[in-house]
Amino acid sequence: MRNLIYTVLSIVIINGCAKRGSPSGGPVDSIAPVLINASPKLNSINFDSEEIKLTFDEFVKLDKVEDQLIISPPLEKTSYEVKPLSGVTKKVFLKFLDSLESETTYTINFGNSIKDNNEGNPLTFFNYTFSTGETIDSLYVKGNISDAYDFETDNYISLHLYRIDSIFKDSVIFNDRPTYIANSLDSTSYQFQNIKEGKYLIIALKDVDNNYFFDPFYDRIGFYDSLVSLPKDTLINLRLFKEETPIIWDEPNFMNSEKIRFGYFGKLDMDKISLISNSSSIFDDISFFEISPLCL
């Protein structure tokens, strides 16, 4: 009987030791990547390197960096390259393919494009700043963007600052690249950083072509009715609207034996359309207009 008790107890103990549970896996990683080294260092002056190397504490990936990356003052997209654009890495490189302006402070904003590989936690609005001169410019302008007619405001609005100098012209927003750029990215707020003292023209632009030029036929614009004076003005709010564009006519063509088509772009005033010639008296005719805007 005593041996039977020992046997039963042994079975119970063995079964208790053999029970297994699913591992919890630990807490979810919610910490963004941390920059542990930058070469050249952040806020370097007399910058003359052809490449920037950023090293992080964990493996990261670049997500939509082509849309998120903002360099101010603006550079041609063919004048630099970022790598690696795919895969995971602990090092991110930005290489300059053309020379930079002298005595200029540059700010490189990666937006939310740098994310850790495991959970996709973004390093929010990470900036790398350097100067090709002796000092780092430190002034700023910030504000909010709203739509003048719609309740919701688009994201990824481009903000432009144009320096007022001896060669400034009113047509600068159509023909010249801005002195500084910023972007609202996925919010309705913006901020310019590392700006020189001076006076500027500021606009907000829903830049359809993403080329930094205002196209009144496609782009919506917001502007401040005074010049921005730094360091005095630091908070500027802007409202977007679409300008009314003039009528542009396409060449007429016959749709069939009874209809002629006149394509157009813009806002059409039907009261200003009328026939200026009379038909022959040997037959009756009926004329009418159908509105059908031309899609360009």
Protein backbone atom coordinates (compact mmCIF):
# COMPACT_ATOMS: atom_id res chain seq x y z
CA MET A 1 0.00 0.00 0.00
CA ARG A 2 2.84 2.32 0.89
CA ASN A 3 4.52 1.66 -2.47
CA LEU A 4 1.24 2.46 -4.24
CA ILE A 5 1.06 5.86 -2.56
CA TYR A 6 4.63 6.67 -3.65
CA THR A 7 3.75 5.67 -7.21
CA VAL A 8 0.68 7.91 -7.34
CA LEU A 9 2.59 10.86 -5.87
CA SER A 10 5.39 10.41 -8.39
CA ILE A 11 2.94 10.47 -11.28
CA VAL A 12 1.35 13.68 -9.98
CA ILE A 13 4.72 15.38 -9.56
CA ILE A 14 5.95 14.31 -13.00
CA ASN A 15 2.74 15.50 -14.68
CA GLY A 16 2.98 18.81 -12.84
CA CYS A 17 6.51 19.37 -14.08
CA ALA A 18 5.56 18.49 -17.65
CA LYS A 19 2.85 21.16 -18.01
CA ARG A 20 3.83 23.84 -20.52
CA GLY A 21 2.42 27.28 -21.31
CA SER A 22 2.71 29.58 -24.30
CA PRO A 23 5.39 32.27 -23.87
CA SER A 24 4.01 35.81 -23.59
CA GLY A 25 6.67 37.28 -25.87
CA GLY A 26 7.23 40.25 -23.59
CA PRO A 27 5.94 43.81 -23.97
CA VAL A 28 5.38 45.25 -27.46
CA ASP A 29 8.21 47.47 -28.68
CA SER A 30 6.91 51.05 -28.80
CA ILE A 31 10.23 52.90 -28.79
CA ALA A 32 11.41 54.69 -31.92
CA PRO A 33 14.93 54.13 -33.26
CA VAL A 34 17.64 56.18 -31.60
CA LEU A 35 20.42 57.93 -33.50
CA ILE A 36 23.72 56.91 -31.90
CA ASN A 37 26.13 58.52 -34.35
CA ALA A 38 26.15 61.03 -37.21
CA SER A 39 29.08 61.66 -39.49
CA PRO A 40 29.65 64.57 -39.90
CA LYS A 41 28.11 65.52 -36.54
CA LEU A 42 24.74 67.23 -36.21
CA ASN A 43 24.90 71.03 -36.52
CA SER A 44 28.33 70.91 -38.16
CA ILE A 45 29.71 74.18 -39.55
CA ASN A 46 32.07 74.62 -42.51
CA PHE A 47 30.47 71.49 -43.94
CA ASP A 48 32.37 70.13 -46.96
CA SER A 49 31.52 66.43 -46.95
CA GLU A 50 30.02 64.63 -49.93
CA GLU A 51 28.12 62.15 -47.78
CA ILE A 52 26.19 62.00 -44.50
CA LYS A 53 26.13 58.73 -42.53
CA LEU A 54 23.51 58.17 -39.80
CA THR A 55 23.86 55.17 -37.45
CA PHE A 56 20.97 53.89 -35.33
CA ASP A 57 20.73 51.60 -32.29
CA GLU A 58 18.59 49.02 -34.13
CA PHE A 59 17.72 47.88 -37.62
CA VAL A 60 15.61 50.44 -39.48
CA LYS A 61 13.87 50.71 -42.84
CA LEU A 62 13.02 53.74 -44.98
CA ASP A 63 9.31 54.13 -45.70
CA LYS A 64 8.23 56.45 -48.56
CA VAL A 65 11.35 58.52 -48.13
CA GLU A 66 10.87 60.03 -51.61
CA ASP A 67 7.66 61.69 -50.35
CA GLN A 68 8.76 62.41 -46.79
CA LEU A 69 12.26 63.83 -47.28
CA ILE A 70 12.39 67.64 -47.34
CA ILE A 71 15.69 69.49 -47.91
CA SER A 72 15.69 73.25 -47.31
CA PRO A 73 16.93 75.29 -49.14
CA PRO A 74 15.60 72.99 -51.89
CA LEU A 75 17.90 70.83 -54.00
CA GLU A 76 17.15 69.20 -57.32
CA LYS A 77 16.17 65.58 -56.70
CA THR A 78 18.86 64.53 -59.15
CA SER A 79 21.53 66.24 -57.03
CA TYR A 80 21.42 63.78 -54.11
CA GLU A 81 20.63 60.18 -53.34
CA VAL A 82 19.46 58.32 -50.24
CA LYS A 83 20.27 54.68 -49.58
CA PRO A 84 19.31 52.00 -48.92
CA LEU A 85 15.81 52.55 -50.33
CA SER A 86 14.85 48.95 -49.56
CA GLY A 87 15.81 46.33 -47.01
CA VAL A 88 16.85 46.87 -43.40
CA THR A 89 19.99 48.50 -42.07
CA LYS A 90 21.51 50.25 -39.08
CA LYS A 91 23.11 52.90 -41.32
CA VAL A 92 21.38 55.42 -43.60
CA PHE A 93 23.39 57.39 -46.16
CA LEU A 94 22.66 60.63 -48.01
CA LYS A 95 25.12 61.49 -50.76
CA PHE A 96 25.39 64.89 -52.48
CA LEU A 97 26.03 64.62 -56.22
CA ASP A 98 26.40 68.38 -56.81
CA SER A 99 28.05 71.19 -54.87
CA LEU A 100 26.15 73.07 -52.15
CA GLU A 101 25.67 76.82 -51.75
CA SER A 102 28.32 78.58 -49.64
CA GLU A 103 27.48 80.31 -46.33
CA THR A 104 24.15 78.47 -46.17
CA THR A 105 22.38 76.52 -43.43
CA TYR A 106 20.71 73.35 -44.73
CA THR A 107 18.02 71.38 -42.90
CA ILE A 108 17.24 67.81 -43.95
CA ASN A 109 13.88 66.63 -42.59
CA PHE A 110 13.23 62.89 -42.92
CA GLY A 111 9.61 63.29 -41.80
CA ASN A 112 8.35 59.91 -40.54
CA SER A 113 10.28 57.84 -43.08
CA ILE A 114 12.77 56.24 -40.66
CA LYS A 115 11.07 53.33 -38.84
CA ASP A 116 12.27 50.39 -36.79
CA ASN A 117 12.14 47.07 -38.58
CA ASN A 118 10.12 45.08 -36.04
CA GLU A 119 7.12 47.25 -35.09
CA GLY A 120 7.41 50.12 -37.58
CA ASN A 121 7.80 52.79 -34.88
CA PRO A 122 8.76 56.03 -36.69
CA LEU A 123 11.51 58.40 -35.66
CA THR A 124 9.17 61.38 -35.91
CA PHE A 125 10.30 64.42 -37.91
CA PHE A 126 13.99 63.66 -37.58
CA ASN A 127 16.15 66.61 -38.72
CA TYR A 128 19.80 66.80 -39.69
CA THR A 129 21.16 70.36 -39.87
CA PHE A 130 24.52 71.69 -41.03
CA SER A 131 26.05 74.89 -42.40
CA THR A 132 28.53 75.45 -45.20
CA GLY A 133 29.49 78.67 -43.41
CA GLU A 134 30.71 79.67 -39.95
CA THR A 135 27.30 79.77 -38.22
CA ILE A 136 24.00 77.88 -38.01
CA ASP A 137 20.98 80.09 -38.74
CA SER A 138 18.41 79.69 -35.95
CA LEU A 139 15.25 81.68 -36.80
CA TYR A 140 11.94 79.95 -37.55
CA VAL A 141 8.39 80.42 -38.86
CA LYS A 142 5.50 78.11 -38.00
CA GLY A 143 1.73 77.99 -38.23
CA ASN A 144 -1.36 76.10 -39.33
CA ILE A 145 -3.01 75.55 -42.72
CA SER A 146 -6.75 75.41 -43.36
CA ASP A 147 -8.94 75.26 -46.44
CA ALA A 148 -10.99 78.36 -47.22
CA TYR A 149 -13.97 76.35 -48.51
CA ASP A 150 -13.70 72.75 -47.30
CA PHE A 151 -14.08 71.53 -43.73
CA GLU A 152 -11.15 69.14 -44.13
CA THR A 153 -7.71 70.32 -45.20
CA ASP A 154 -5.45 68.26 -47.43
CA ASN A 155 -2.18 67.00 -46.03
CA TYR A 156 1.22 67.22 -47.72
CA ILE A 157 0.95 70.96 -48.35
CA SER A 158 4.18 72.60 -49.57
CA LEU A 159 5.27 75.83 -47.84
CA HIS A 160 7.55 78.30 -49.62
CA LEU A 161 9.59 81.25 -48.37
CA TYR A 162 11.06 83.68 -50.92
CA ARG A 163 13.73 86.12 -49.76
CA ILE A 164 12.99 89.77 -50.60
CA ASP A 165 16.14 91.21 -52.19
CA SER A 166 17.24 93.41 -55.08
CA ILE A 167 16.32 90.81 -57.72
CA PHE A 168 12.91 89.89 -56.27
CA LYS A 169 10.00 89.95 -58.74
CA ASP A 170 6.26 89.47 -58.29
CA SER A 171 6.39 86.51 -60.69
CA VAL A 172 8.78 84.59 -58.41
CA ILE A 173 6.14 82.02 -57.39
CA PHE A 174 5.64 81.07 -61.06
CA ASN A 175 9.25 81.03 -62.24
CA ASP A 176 11.74 80.58 -59.37
CA ARG A 177 12.39 78.00 -56.71
CA PRO A 178 11.78 79.19 -53.14
CA THR A 179 14.62 80.16 -50.82
CA TYR A 180 13.32 77.79 -48.13
CA ILE A 181 10.73 75.02 -48.18
CA ALA A 182 8.74 73.09 -45.60
CA ASN A 183 5.87 70.62 -45.77
CA SER A 184 2.91 69.82 -43.56
CA LEU A 185 3.39 66.12 -44.34
CA ASP A 186 0.47 64.20 -42.78
CA SER A 187 -0.71 67.07 -40.56
CA THR A 188 -2.11 70.60 -41.00
CA SER A 189 0.76 72.38 -39.29
CA TYR A 190 4.17 73.40 -40.60
CA GLN A 191 7.48 74.81 -39.40
CA PHE A 192 10.44 76.38 -41.15
CA GLN A 193 13.68 76.01 -39.21
CA ASN A 194 17.17 77.49 -39.42
CA ILE A 195 16.18 80.62 -41.36
CA LYS A 196 18.27 83.75 -41.91
CA GLU A 197 17.14 87.14 -40.66
CA GLY A 198 15.35 89.16 -43.34
CA LYS A 199 12.05 89.75 -45.11
CA TYR A 200 10.21 87.03 -47.01
CA LEU A 201 7.14 86.28 -49.09
CA ILE A 202 5.35 83.16 -47.81
CA ILE A 203 2.84 80.92 -49.60
CA ALA A 204 1.22 77.53 -49.03
CA LEU A 205 0.76 75.36 -52.10
CA LYS A 206 -1.01 72.13 -52.93
CA ASP A 207 1.71 71.43 -55.47
CA VAL A 208 0.16 68.91 -57.87
CA ASP A 209 3.31 68.56 -60.00
CA ASN A 210 5.61 68.64 -56.94
CA ASN A 211 7.97 71.03 -58.73
CA TYR A 212 7.87 74.08 -56.37
CA PHE A 213 6.23 76.31 -59.03
CA PHE A 214 2.68 77.68 -58.78
CA ASP A 215 0.42 76.49 -61.60
CA PRO A 216 -2.88 78.41 -61.30
CA PHE A 217 -4.73 75.86 -63.46
CA TYR A 218 -4.12 72.98 -61.07
CA ASP A 219 -2.67 74.15 -57.74
CA ARG A 220 -4.43 75.60 -54.73
CA ILE A 221 -2.64 78.43 -52.97
CA GLY A 222 -2.67 80.29 -49.67
CA PHE A 223 -0.75 83.49 -49.02
CA TYR A 224 -0.06 86.07 -46.30
CA ASP A 225 -1.07 89.60 -47.29
CA SER A 226 2.09 91.12 -45.73
CA LEU A 227 5.77 90.30 -45.86
CA VAL A 228 7.20 88.05 -43.16
CA SER A 229 9.88 89.88 -41.20
CA LEU A 230 12.31 87.76 -39.20
CA PRO A 231 12.97 87.64 -36.31
CA LYS A 232 9.73 89.59 -35.64
CA ASP A 233 7.10 87.32 -37.27
CA THR A 234 7.14 83.69 -36.14
CA LEU A 235 3.48 82.55 -36.29
CA ILE A 236 1.70 82.70 -39.67
CA ASN A 237 -1.56 80.85 -40.46
CA LEU A 238 -2.57 80.31 -44.09
CA ARG A 239 -5.81 79.38 -45.91
CA LEU A 240 -5.87 77.48 -49.20
CA PHE A 241 -8.15 78.34 -52.11
CA LYS A 242 -8.38 77.65 -55.84
CA GLU A 243 -8.04 80.65 -58.10
CA GLU A 244 -10.62 81.08 -60.85
CA THR A 245 -8.78 80.40 -64.09
CA PRO A 246 -9.51 82.08 -67.43
CA ILE A 247 -11.18 80.15 -70.23
CA ILE A 248 -8.85 78.19 -72.52
CA TRP A 249 -10.42 76.91 -75.74
CA ASP A 250 -9.39 73.82 -77.62
CA GLU A 251 -9.63 73.51 -81.40
CA PRO A 252 -13.23 72.77 -82.56
CA ASN A 253 -14.03 69.47 -84.20
CA PHE A 254 -17.06 67.71 -85.68
CA MET A 255 -18.68 65.10 -83.44
CA ASN A 256 -21.07 64.13 -86.24
CA SER A 257 -22.96 65.83 -89.09
CA GLU A 258 -25.08 67.77 -86.62
CA LYS A 259 -22.74 68.66 -83.77
CA ILE A 260 -19.56 70.69 -83.42
CA ARG A 261 -17.50 70.30 -80.24
CA PHE A 262 -15.54 73.14 -78.63
CA GLY A 263 -13.40 71.87 -75.76
CA TYR A 264 -12.51 74.30 -72.98
CA PHE A 265 -10.86 74.54 -69.59
CA GLY A 266 -12.00 76.96 -66.88
CA LYS A 267 -15.29 78.47 -65.76
CA LEU A 268 -17.73 78.99 -68.62
CA ASP A 269 -20.25 81.85 -68.75
CA MET A 270 -23.06 80.67 -71.05
CA ASP A 271 -24.46 84.21 -71.36
CA LYS A 272 -21.39 85.20 -73.37
CA ILE A 273 -21.90 82.49 -76.03
CA SER A 274 -24.00 83.27 -79.10
CA LEU A 275 -24.12 82.57 -82.84
CA ILE A 276 -22.75 85.39 -85.00
CA SER A 277 -23.71 84.01 -88.42
CA ASN A 278 -27.11 83.31 -89.98
CA SER A 279 -28.06 80.09 -91.72
CA SER A 280 -29.50 79.88 -95.20
CA SER A 281 -33.20 80.71 -95.55
CA ILE A 282 -33.89 77.59 -97.59
CA PHE A 283 -34.02 75.38 -94.49
CA ASP A 284 -34.90 75.62 -90.85
CA ASP A 285 -32.34 75.09 -88.13
CA ILE A 286 -32.25 74.68 -84.37
CA SER A 287 -29.15 75.49 -82.32
CA PHE A 288 -28.45 74.66 -78.67
CA PHE A 289 -25.44 74.30 -76.37
CA GLU A 290 -24.36 71.37 -74.22
CA ILE A 291 -21.78 71.92 -71.49
CA SER A 292 -19.03 69.32 -71.51
CA PRO A 293 -15.69 70.56 -70.01
CA LEU A 294 -12.49 69.34 -71.61
CA CYS A 295 -10.32 67.31 -69.26
CA LEU A 296 -6.69 68.37 -69.68
